[in-house]
N, C-alpha and C. Protein backbone atom coordinates (compact mmCIF):
# COMPACT_ATOMS: atom_id res chain seq x y z
N MET A 1 138.48 99.34 168.72
CA MET A 1 136.88 99.13 168.87
C MET A 1 136.39 100.68 169.46
N ALA A 2 135.01 100.63 168.84
CA ALA A 2 134.31 101.83 169.22
C ALA A 2 133.63 101.64 170.42
N SER A 3 133.18 102.47 171.42
CA SER A 3 132.55 102.35 172.44
C SER A 3 131.03 102.26 172.24
N PRO A 4 130.41 101.56 172.96
CA PRO A 4 128.69 101.39 172.77
C PRO A 4 128.23 102.81 172.82
N SER A 5 128.84 103.71 173.41
CA SER A 5 128.03 105.30 173.45
C SER A 5 129.01 106.03 172.23
N SER A 6 129.87 105.60 171.54
CA SER A 6 130.52 106.70 170.77
C SER A 6 129.77 107.16 169.75
N SER A 7 128.62 106.73 169.70
CA SER A 7 127.86 107.63 168.32
C SER A 7 126.76 107.28 168.56
N SER A 8 125.64 108.24 168.94
CA SER A 8 124.50 108.21 169.36
C SER A 8 123.45 107.43 168.27
N SER A 9 123.96 107.39 167.03
CA SER A 9 122.94 106.83 165.83
C SER A 9 123.27 104.89 165.95
N TYR A 10 124.52 104.95 166.49
CA TYR A 10 124.92 103.27 166.55
C TYR A 10 124.96 102.98 168.18
N GLU A 11 124.37 103.97 168.81
CA GLU A 11 124.22 103.08 170.58
C GLU A 11 123.45 101.88 170.52
N LEU A 12 124.33 101.06 171.50
CA LEU A 12 124.00 99.77 171.94
C LEU A 12 122.94 99.94 172.84
N ARG A 13 121.79 99.38 172.48
CA ARG A 13 120.88 99.37 173.79
C ARG A 13 120.51 98.20 174.58
N PHE A 14 120.32 98.35 175.64
CA PHE A 14 120.24 96.79 176.60
C PHE A 14 119.10 97.22 177.52
N ASP A 15 117.79 97.55 176.81
CA ASP A 15 116.80 97.85 177.99
C ASP A 15 115.63 96.95 177.54
N SER A 16 115.58 96.20 176.71
CA SER A 16 114.40 95.61 176.35
C SER A 16 114.14 94.16 177.22
N GLY A 17 114.81 93.60 178.13
CA GLY A 17 114.86 93.01 179.57
C GLY A 17 115.24 91.34 179.12
N ARG A 18 115.65 91.13 177.93
CA ARG A 18 116.28 89.81 177.61
C ARG A 18 117.37 90.21 176.57
N SER A 19 118.37 89.38 176.41
CA SER A 19 119.36 89.06 175.44
C SER A 19 118.65 88.90 174.02
N SER A 20 117.74 88.07 173.90
CA SER A 20 117.06 87.80 172.73
C SER A 20 116.27 89.32 172.20
N LEU A 21 116.20 89.86 173.19
CA LEU A 21 114.92 90.82 172.30
C LEU A 21 115.88 92.29 172.31
N ASP A 22 117.25 92.19 173.20
CA ASP A 22 118.23 93.24 173.02
C ASP A 22 118.85 92.99 171.51
N LEU A 23 119.16 91.89 171.04
CA LEU A 23 119.80 91.47 169.45
C LEU A 23 118.48 92.12 168.88
N LEU A 24 117.13 92.22 168.66
CA LEU A 24 116.49 92.21 167.99
C LEU A 24 116.65 94.03 167.73
N ALA A 25 116.58 94.97 168.77
CA ALA A 25 116.98 96.21 168.87
C ALA A 25 118.25 96.57 168.09
N THR A 26 119.13 95.78 168.26
CA THR A 26 120.23 96.34 167.28
C THR A 26 120.09 96.54 165.53
N ALA A 27 118.53 96.14 165.16
CA ALA A 27 118.06 96.57 163.94
C ALA A 27 118.03 97.78 163.60
N HIS A 28 117.51 98.59 164.88
CA HIS A 28 116.78 99.60 164.81
C HIS A 28 117.51 100.94 165.27
N PRO A 29 117.44 102.06 164.50
CA PRO A 29 116.84 102.64 163.43
C PRO A 29 117.86 102.01 162.39
N ASP A 30 118.61 101.82 162.58
CA ASP A 30 119.71 101.45 161.64
C ASP A 30 120.51 100.09 161.91
N GLU A 31 121.24 99.73 160.99
CA GLU A 31 122.10 98.33 161.41
C GLU A 31 123.05 98.65 162.78
N ARG A 32 123.16 98.20 163.83
CA ARG A 32 123.94 98.36 164.96
C ARG A 32 124.99 97.81 164.73
N LEU A 33 125.06 96.49 164.38
CA LEU A 33 126.18 95.42 164.47
C LEU A 33 126.32 95.49 163.00
N ASP A 34 127.07 96.45 162.41
CA ASP A 34 127.74 96.83 161.44
C ASP A 34 129.33 96.44 161.35
N SER A 35 129.95 95.90 162.48
CA SER A 35 131.33 95.41 162.32
C SER A 35 131.50 94.35 163.25
N VAL A 36 132.39 93.71 163.53
CA VAL A 36 132.85 92.83 164.66
C VAL A 36 133.24 93.22 165.58
N GLY A 37 134.03 94.44 165.89
CA GLY A 37 134.09 95.45 166.85
C GLY A 37 132.52 95.40 167.76
N ARG A 38 131.63 96.12 166.68
CA ARG A 38 130.31 96.38 167.50
C ARG A 38 129.60 94.89 167.71
N LEU A 39 130.00 94.11 167.13
CA LEU A 39 129.34 92.36 167.89
C LEU A 39 130.29 92.19 168.85
N ARG A 40 131.63 92.56 169.13
CA ARG A 40 132.22 92.36 170.40
C ARG A 40 131.53 93.09 171.79
N ALA A 41 131.04 94.25 171.25
CA ALA A 41 130.83 95.30 172.37
C ALA A 41 129.25 94.97 172.90
N TRP A 42 128.56 94.21 171.73
CA TRP A 42 127.15 93.84 172.16
C TRP A 42 127.41 92.63 173.23
N LEU A 43 128.23 91.74 172.64
CA LEU A 43 128.29 90.52 173.47
C LEU A 43 128.64 90.98 174.97
N VAL A 44 129.53 91.76 175.14
CA VAL A 44 129.89 92.46 176.42
C VAL A 44 128.72 92.68 177.00
N GLY A 45 128.21 93.98 176.36
CA GLY A 45 126.93 94.80 177.01
C GLY A 45 125.64 93.80 177.39
N SER A 46 125.44 93.10 176.63
CA SER A 46 124.62 92.09 176.99
C SER A 46 124.73 90.91 177.72
N GLY A 47 125.85 90.88 178.24
CA GLY A 47 126.35 90.08 179.41
C GLY A 47 126.72 88.63 178.73
N LEU A 48 126.98 88.46 177.56
CA LEU A 48 127.15 86.67 177.13
C LEU A 48 128.19 86.44 177.29
N VAL A 49 129.32 87.52 177.34
CA VAL A 49 130.52 87.37 177.80
C VAL A 49 131.24 88.43 178.30
N PRO A 50 132.21 88.07 179.55
CA PRO A 50 132.76 89.16 180.34
C PRO A 50 133.67 89.78 179.43
N ALA A 51 134.12 91.18 179.96
CA ALA A 51 134.65 92.44 178.90
C ALA A 51 135.79 91.94 178.78
N ASP A 52 136.82 91.03 179.47
CA ASP A 52 138.14 90.70 178.97
C ASP A 52 138.25 89.28 178.16
N THR A 53 136.94 88.56 177.48
CA THR A 53 136.93 87.72 176.84
C THR A 53 137.64 88.02 175.32
N PRO A 54 138.41 87.36 174.98
CA PRO A 54 139.29 87.46 173.89
C PRO A 54 138.68 87.73 172.41
N LEU A 55 137.72 86.31 172.25
CA LEU A 55 137.14 85.94 171.26
C LEU A 55 137.72 86.56 169.75
N ARG A 56 138.95 85.73 169.91
CA ARG A 56 139.95 85.73 168.58
C ARG A 56 139.01 85.05 167.40
N GLY A 57 138.09 84.33 167.51
CA GLY A 57 137.74 83.65 166.03
C GLY A 57 136.72 84.55 165.72
N ALA A 58 136.43 85.46 166.37
CA ALA A 58 135.39 86.46 165.58
C ALA A 58 135.32 86.97 164.48
N ASP A 59 134.61 87.17 163.64
CA ASP A 59 135.21 87.37 162.03
C ASP A 59 133.48 88.12 161.73
N ALA A 60 133.89 88.15 160.12
CA ALA A 60 132.52 88.40 159.29
C ALA A 60 131.57 87.20 159.53
N SER A 61 131.91 86.19 159.39
CA SER A 61 131.22 84.93 159.53
C SER A 61 130.19 85.10 160.83
N TRP A 62 130.99 85.58 161.67
CA TRP A 62 130.08 85.67 162.97
C TRP A 62 128.89 86.57 163.15
N LEU A 63 129.17 87.88 162.35
CA LEU A 63 128.31 88.65 162.29
C LEU A 63 127.20 88.41 161.23
N ALA A 64 127.49 87.80 160.47
CA ALA A 64 126.49 87.11 159.32
C ALA A 64 125.24 86.19 160.21
N ALA A 65 126.00 85.30 161.00
CA ALA A 65 125.47 83.89 161.62
C ALA A 65 124.55 84.56 162.71
N VAL A 66 125.07 85.82 163.33
CA VAL A 66 124.18 86.80 164.28
C VAL A 66 122.82 87.41 163.65
N HIS A 67 123.25 87.81 162.32
CA HIS A 67 122.33 88.82 161.81
C HIS A 67 121.00 87.45 161.21
N GLU A 68 121.80 86.28 161.10
CA GLU A 68 120.55 85.55 160.89
C GLU A 68 119.76 84.93 161.99
N LEU A 69 120.74 84.88 163.02
CA LEU A 69 119.72 84.30 164.06
C LEU A 69 118.44 85.51 164.54
N ARG A 70 119.21 86.59 164.20
CA ARG A 70 118.41 88.07 164.53
C ARG A 70 116.96 88.25 163.89
N GLY A 71 117.18 87.62 162.52
CA GLY A 71 116.20 87.45 161.69
C GLY A 71 115.15 86.51 162.09
N HIS A 72 115.66 85.20 162.53
CA HIS A 72 114.74 84.26 162.97
C HIS A 72 114.09 84.56 164.21
N ILE A 73 114.56 85.25 165.15
CA ILE A 73 113.97 85.34 166.40
C ILE A 73 112.82 86.66 166.44
N GLY A 74 113.37 87.68 165.47
CA GLY A 74 112.19 88.47 165.03
C GLY A 74 110.96 87.87 164.40
N GLN A 75 111.24 86.98 163.65
CA GLN A 75 109.99 86.36 162.96
C GLN A 75 109.34 85.52 163.91
N LEU A 76 110.04 85.01 164.55
CA LEU A 76 109.34 84.12 165.94
C LEU A 76 108.66 84.72 166.69
N VAL A 77 108.97 85.98 167.12
CA VAL A 77 108.55 86.67 168.24
C VAL A 77 107.70 87.55 167.81
N ARG A 78 107.68 87.81 166.90
CA ARG A 78 106.57 88.86 166.18
C ARG A 78 105.50 87.98 166.00
N GLY A 79 105.72 87.33 165.01
CA GLY A 79 104.64 85.98 164.72
C GLY A 79 103.73 85.67 165.78
N GLU A 80 104.08 85.39 166.88
CA GLU A 80 103.81 84.69 168.11
C GLU A 80 102.86 86.11 168.72
N LEU A 81 103.38 87.20 168.91
CA LEU A 81 102.75 88.08 169.33
C LEU A 81 101.37 88.71 168.31
N ASP A 82 101.38 88.41 167.01
CA ASP A 82 100.27 88.60 165.94
C ASP A 82 99.70 87.11 165.76
N GLY A 83 100.08 86.29 166.47
CA GLY A 83 99.13 85.11 166.18
C GLY A 83 99.51 84.49 164.94
N ARG A 84 100.84 84.40 164.75
CA ARG A 84 101.17 84.27 162.75
C ARG A 84 102.15 83.08 163.24
N PRO A 85 102.13 82.01 163.86
CA PRO A 85 103.43 81.11 164.20
C PRO A 85 104.40 80.86 162.86
N ALA A 86 105.37 81.30 163.10
CA ALA A 86 106.54 81.02 162.01
C ALA A 86 107.50 79.99 162.59
N SER A 87 107.14 78.85 161.96
CA SER A 87 107.45 77.67 162.03
C SER A 87 108.89 77.23 161.34
N GLY A 88 109.30 78.05 160.34
CA GLY A 88 110.38 77.99 159.74
C GLY A 88 111.59 78.35 160.86
N ALA A 89 111.04 79.73 161.22
CA ALA A 89 111.92 80.60 162.25
C ALA A 89 112.07 79.58 163.72
N LEU A 90 110.88 79.09 164.02
CA LEU A 90 111.20 78.16 165.18
C LEU A 90 111.77 77.27 165.10
N GLU A 91 111.78 76.39 163.83
CA GLU A 91 112.71 74.94 163.69
C GLU A 91 114.43 75.86 163.64
N ARG A 92 114.50 76.81 163.23
CA ARG A 92 115.86 77.32 163.37
C ARG A 92 116.17 77.44 164.49
N VAL A 93 115.34 78.38 165.27
CA VAL A 93 115.99 78.89 166.55
C VAL A 93 116.07 77.52 167.41
N ASN A 94 115.19 76.52 167.39
CA ASN A 94 115.41 75.40 168.32
C ASN A 94 116.84 74.64 167.83
N ALA A 95 117.22 74.47 166.67
CA ALA A 95 118.05 74.10 166.22
C ALA A 95 119.49 74.56 166.49
N LEU A 96 119.35 75.94 166.81
CA LEU A 96 120.40 76.91 166.95
C LEU A 96 120.45 76.63 168.56
N ALA A 97 119.76 76.19 169.52
CA ALA A 97 119.72 76.25 170.80
C ALA A 97 120.07 75.12 171.19
N ARG A 98 120.47 73.90 170.62
CA ARG A 98 120.35 72.73 170.92
C ARG A 98 122.08 72.73 171.41
N ALA A 99 123.02 73.48 170.93
CA ALA A 99 124.54 73.84 171.12
C ALA A 99 124.65 74.04 172.52
N ALA A 100 125.71 73.66 173.21
CA ALA A 100 125.79 74.10 174.77
C ALA A 100 126.43 75.61 174.61
N PRO A 101 125.46 76.55 175.56
CA PRO A 101 126.31 77.84 175.35
C PRO A 101 127.40 77.93 176.61
N PRO A 102 127.94 78.90 176.24
CA PRO A 102 129.35 79.26 177.23
C PRO A 102 129.22 78.66 178.69
N ALA A 103 130.09 78.19 178.97
CA ALA A 103 129.98 77.59 180.53
C ALA A 103 130.81 78.32 181.51
N PRO A 104 129.97 78.86 182.12
CA PRO A 104 130.69 80.11 183.19
C PRO A 104 131.32 79.68 184.18
N ARG A 105 132.30 80.21 185.22
CA ARG A 105 133.04 79.97 186.23
C ARG A 105 132.95 81.22 187.27
N ALA A 106 133.52 80.89 188.03
CA ALA A 106 134.01 81.95 189.21
C ALA A 106 135.48 81.92 189.16
N THR A 107 135.92 83.11 189.31
CA THR A 107 137.17 82.97 189.45
C THR A 107 137.83 84.32 190.42
N ARG A 108 138.67 84.04 191.43
CA ARG A 108 139.27 84.87 192.44
C ARG A 108 139.86 86.02 191.74
N ARG A 109 139.57 87.34 191.79
CA ARG A 109 140.34 88.40 191.43
C ARG A 109 141.46 88.90 192.11
N THR A 110 142.69 89.41 191.96
CA THR A 110 143.74 90.09 192.68
C THR A 110 143.13 90.85 194.21
N ASP A 111 142.08 90.94 194.19
CA ASP A 111 141.55 91.97 195.30
C ASP A 111 140.57 91.20 196.34
N GLY A 112 140.73 89.74 195.65
CA GLY A 112 139.95 88.72 196.46
C GLY A 112 138.27 88.49 196.25
N THR A 113 138.03 89.29 195.20
CA THR A 113 136.54 89.21 195.09
C THR A 113 136.19 88.32 194.09
N LEU A 114 134.91 87.44 193.76
CA LEU A 114 134.75 86.45 192.93
C LEU A 114 134.04 87.56 191.59
N ALA A 115 134.47 86.45 190.47
CA ALA A 115 134.20 87.70 189.29
C ALA A 115 133.60 86.20 188.05
N ARG A 116 132.60 86.40 187.35
CA ARG A 116 132.27 85.51 186.30
C ARG A 116 133.27 85.54 185.31
N ASP A 117 133.66 84.44 184.94
CA ASP A 117 134.39 83.95 183.93
C ASP A 117 133.98 83.24 183.02
N LEU A 118 134.38 82.49 181.97
CA LEU A 118 134.24 81.67 181.23
C LEU A 118 135.17 80.37 181.05
N HIS A 119 134.92 79.26 180.97
CA HIS A 119 135.79 78.00 181.26
C HIS A 119 136.81 78.04 180.10
N ALA A 120 136.25 78.24 178.64
CA ALA A 120 137.17 78.60 177.61
C ALA A 120 136.35 79.74 176.73
N GLU A 121 137.43 79.97 176.13
CA GLU A 121 136.92 81.11 174.99
C GLU A 121 135.67 80.58 173.94
N PRO A 122 134.70 81.44 173.78
CA PRO A 122 133.28 80.58 173.41
C PRO A 122 133.62 81.09 171.69
N GLY A 123 133.08 80.00 170.65
CA GLY A 123 133.37 80.19 169.58
C GLY A 123 131.49 80.65 169.31
N CYS A 124 131.37 81.03 168.01
CA CYS A 124 129.95 81.56 167.58
C CYS A 124 129.02 80.56 168.17
N ARG A 125 129.22 79.57 167.67
CA ARG A 125 127.82 78.40 168.03
C ARG A 125 127.46 78.36 169.35
N GLU A 126 128.33 78.26 169.92
CA GLU A 126 127.94 79.05 171.63
C GLU A 126 127.10 79.97 171.82
N LEU A 127 128.06 81.28 171.46
CA LEU A 127 127.03 82.25 171.78
C LEU A 127 125.56 82.52 170.95
N LEU A 128 125.53 81.80 169.72
CA LEU A 128 124.23 81.87 169.17
C LEU A 128 123.47 80.89 170.04
N ALA A 129 123.91 79.78 170.60
CA ALA A 129 123.13 78.93 171.63
C ALA A 129 122.37 79.80 172.52
N ALA A 130 123.62 80.62 173.19
CA ALA A 130 122.73 81.34 174.50
C ALA A 130 121.70 82.11 173.85
N VAL A 131 121.93 82.95 172.87
CA VAL A 131 120.75 83.89 172.48
C VAL A 131 119.74 82.99 172.03
N ALA A 132 119.79 81.69 171.57
CA ALA A 132 118.55 81.29 170.87
C ALA A 132 117.77 80.61 172.28
N ARG A 133 118.79 80.07 173.02
CA ARG A 133 117.88 79.39 174.40
C ARG A 133 116.94 80.66 175.18
N ASP A 134 118.01 81.69 175.16
CA ASP A 134 116.59 82.86 175.73
C ASP A 134 115.78 83.04 175.10
N ALA A 135 115.65 82.84 173.89
CA ALA A 135 114.31 83.10 172.86
C ALA A 135 113.14 82.27 172.98
N VAL A 136 113.91 80.74 173.43
CA VAL A 136 113.00 79.69 173.63
C VAL A 136 112.71 79.59 174.87
N GLU A 137 113.28 80.04 176.12
CA GLU A 137 112.77 80.21 176.81
C GLU A 137 111.69 81.50 177.42
N LEU A 138 112.18 82.43 176.97
CA LEU A 138 111.05 83.53 176.80
C LEU A 138 109.87 83.39 176.13
N LEU A 139 109.50 82.33 175.23
CA LEU A 139 108.48 82.35 174.22
C LEU A 139 107.75 81.43 174.83
N THR A 140 108.25 80.16 176.01
CA THR A 140 107.81 79.03 176.51
C THR A 140 107.46 79.35 177.85
N ASP A 141 107.73 80.55 178.43
CA ASP A 141 107.41 80.65 179.94
C ASP A 141 105.94 81.81 180.15
N PRO A 142 104.96 81.53 180.27
CA PRO A 142 104.01 82.20 180.44
C PRO A 142 103.98 83.11 181.13
N VAL A 143 104.57 83.34 182.40
CA VAL A 143 104.89 84.51 182.68
C VAL A 143 105.50 85.84 182.24
N ALA A 144 106.84 85.68 181.49
CA ALA A 144 107.70 86.16 180.73
C ALA A 144 107.04 86.66 179.67
N ARG A 145 106.34 85.82 179.05
CA ARG A 145 105.58 85.70 177.55
C ARG A 145 104.54 86.85 177.34
N SER A 146 103.96 86.82 178.76
CA SER A 146 102.78 87.60 179.09
C SER A 146 103.25 89.34 179.14
N CYS A 147 104.48 89.31 179.52
CA CYS A 147 105.06 90.52 179.64
C CYS A 147 105.56 91.36 178.45
N LEU A 148 105.64 90.49 177.19
CA LEU A 148 106.12 91.06 176.05
C LEU A 148 105.11 92.29 175.61
N ARG A 149 105.88 93.48 174.86
CA ARG A 149 105.00 94.38 174.96
C ARG A 149 105.75 94.92 173.21
N ARG A 150 105.13 95.67 172.89
CA ARG A 150 105.74 96.61 171.46
C ARG A 150 105.63 97.61 172.09
N CYS A 151 106.44 98.48 171.51
CA CYS A 151 106.89 100.34 171.98
C CYS A 151 105.48 100.98 171.05
N GLU A 152 105.05 101.66 171.81
CA GLU A 152 103.82 102.53 171.38
C GLU A 152 104.63 103.57 170.46
N GLY A 153 106.10 103.84 170.46
CA GLY A 153 106.55 104.98 170.15
C GLY A 153 106.28 105.15 168.68
N ASP A 154 106.50 106.35 167.97
CA ASP A 154 105.81 106.33 166.60
C ASP A 154 106.95 105.93 165.64
N SER A 155 106.66 104.56 164.87
CA SER A 155 107.00 103.83 164.39
C SER A 155 108.20 103.29 164.74
N CYS A 156 108.43 102.95 165.93
CA CYS A 156 109.19 102.25 166.78
C CYS A 156 108.85 100.56 166.61
N PRO A 157 109.41 99.70 166.29
CA PRO A 157 109.45 98.67 166.25
C PRO A 157 110.10 97.60 167.05
N ILE A 158 110.56 98.32 168.44
CA ILE A 158 111.06 97.36 169.21
C ILE A 158 110.10 96.69 170.27
N ILE A 159 110.53 95.54 170.72
CA ILE A 159 109.75 94.74 171.44
C ILE A 159 110.42 94.32 172.74
N TYR A 160 109.81 94.47 173.78
CA TYR A 160 110.31 94.55 175.39
C TYR A 160 109.45 93.92 176.11
N LEU A 161 110.11 93.62 177.53
CA LEU A 161 109.47 92.70 178.44
C LEU A 161 108.63 94.07 179.47
N ASP A 162 107.92 94.10 179.86
CA ASP A 162 107.15 95.07 180.70
C ASP A 162 107.39 94.46 182.00
N THR A 163 108.37 94.75 182.72
CA THR A 163 108.38 94.32 184.17
C THR A 163 108.18 95.13 185.21
N SER A 164 107.51 96.49 184.52
CA SER A 164 107.19 97.66 185.61
C SER A 164 105.92 97.35 186.36
N ARG A 165 105.79 98.00 187.19
CA ARG A 165 104.76 98.10 188.63
C ARG A 165 103.39 98.37 187.84
N GLY A 166 102.49 97.32 187.92
CA GLY A 166 101.33 97.35 187.12
C GLY A 166 101.21 97.50 185.91
N ARG A 167 102.41 96.82 185.21
CA ARG A 167 102.61 96.72 184.03
C ARG A 167 102.32 97.78 182.77
N ARG A 168 102.33 99.12 183.37
CA ARG A 168 102.03 100.08 182.59
C ARG A 168 102.98 100.80 181.69
N ARG A 169 104.37 100.15 181.49
CA ARG A 169 105.14 100.71 180.81
C ARG A 169 104.26 100.93 178.98
N ARG A 170 105.06 101.78 178.36
CA ARG A 170 104.44 102.14 177.13
C ARG A 170 105.34 102.30 176.02
N TRP A 171 106.53 102.48 176.57
CA TRP A 171 107.92 102.43 175.42
C TRP A 171 108.73 101.47 175.84
N CYS A 172 109.91 101.07 174.89
CA CYS A 172 110.92 100.75 174.87
C CYS A 172 111.80 101.25 176.01
N SER A 173 111.79 102.71 175.84
CA SER A 173 112.74 103.46 176.63
C SER A 173 112.09 104.61 176.92
N SER A 174 111.95 105.41 178.39
CA SER A 174 111.51 106.34 178.61
C SER A 174 112.27 107.27 177.91
N GLU A 175 113.83 107.40 177.76
CA GLU A 175 114.52 108.56 177.34
C GLU A 175 114.51 108.47 176.13
N VAL A 176 114.05 107.51 175.40
CA VAL A 176 114.55 107.38 173.70
C VAL A 176 112.96 107.67 173.38
N CYS A 177 111.87 106.58 173.28
CA CYS A 177 110.64 106.63 172.64
C CYS A 177 109.85 107.82 173.50
N GLY A 178 109.65 107.31 174.88
CA GLY A 178 108.82 108.28 175.73
C GLY A 178 109.23 109.77 175.81
N ASN A 179 110.68 110.01 175.65
CA ASN A 179 111.12 111.47 175.62
C ASN A 179 110.43 111.89 174.61
N ARG A 180 110.59 111.46 173.14
CA ARG A 180 110.09 111.68 171.87
C ARG A 180 108.53 112.10 172.21
N GLU A 181 107.97 111.44 172.55
CA GLU A 181 106.35 111.42 172.82
C GLU A 181 105.98 112.94 173.59
N ARG A 182 106.30 112.70 174.75
CA ARG A 182 106.34 114.04 175.54
C ARG A 182 106.91 115.25 175.02
N VAL A 183 108.01 115.25 174.21
CA VAL A 183 108.10 116.59 173.39
C VAL A 183 107.08 116.92 172.29
N ALA A 184 106.74 115.71 171.63
CA ALA A 184 105.41 116.02 170.80
C ALA A 184 104.21 116.48 171.09
N ARG A 185 103.85 115.85 172.22
CA ARG A 185 102.88 116.26 172.89
C ARG A 185 102.91 117.76 173.52
N HIS A 186 104.35 117.84 173.89
CA HIS A 186 104.42 119.39 174.47
C HIS A 186 104.01 120.23 173.02
N ARG A 187 104.81 120.08 171.95
CA ARG A 187 104.36 121.00 170.87
C ARG A 187 103.22 120.96 170.20
N ARG A 188 102.53 119.77 170.28
CA ARG A 188 101.18 120.06 170.10
C ARG A 188 100.01 120.77 171.07
N ARG A 189 100.20 120.89 172.15
CA ARG A 189 99.81 121.70 172.93
C ARG A 189 100.01 123.27 172.98
N ALA A 190 101.35 123.46 172.61
CA ALA A 190 101.73 124.82 172.27
C ALA A 190 101.22 125.56 170.97
N ALA A 191 100.93 124.56 170.08
CA ALA A 191 100.48 125.04 168.82
C ALA A 191 99.01 125.14 168.81
N LEU A 192 98.37 124.34 169.74
CA LEU A 192 96.74 124.86 169.95
C LEU A 192 96.62 125.64 170.73
N THR A 193 97.36 126.16 171.73
CA THR A 193 97.75 127.62 172.53
C THR A 193 97.84 128.77 171.47
N ARG A 194 98.90 128.46 170.47
CA ARG A 194 98.89 129.74 169.58
C ARG A 194 97.90 129.83 168.77
N ALA A 195 97.07 128.96 168.28
CA ALA A 195 96.13 128.82 167.09
C ALA A 195 94.68 129.58 167.69
């Protein structure tokens, strides 16, 4: 399995503030969940499953189901931000949220520390439920919802939670879109100086 940072064009990002928003980010700028291995890496990176969870049932049908959920969450979140309720997407996300998410448990490691584990290996339905519930909780929590922002980066569609002090965050990531903006601003100033 490729590591999440093995290719910069397919880097998995976890800086949106919620697993449902991080899922939306997997479609930009290209499809990042393009294999079962990438899906497994995203599930671990998003904190939905511990790193050593086998996920033996993961296959192409899981990828298709996650892509479908991502589409519904995208319609729902963007619709809410734009004041255009997406009732079909809302119904589907609500339906997926009804299933029980994976049940966590604490297990004692050999060094004596407690670590998060799952009571049973989760199936696709349980993992979809966890992400769908996250979207429902996000959009029904007035405080969290008020922190939803669209990235101001040039042609960046990523939506994130602005939990910064003073709520002044402008970009999905200071290292990605923020850096691009700073470089572009520097180039514009340098071009004006030369002219």
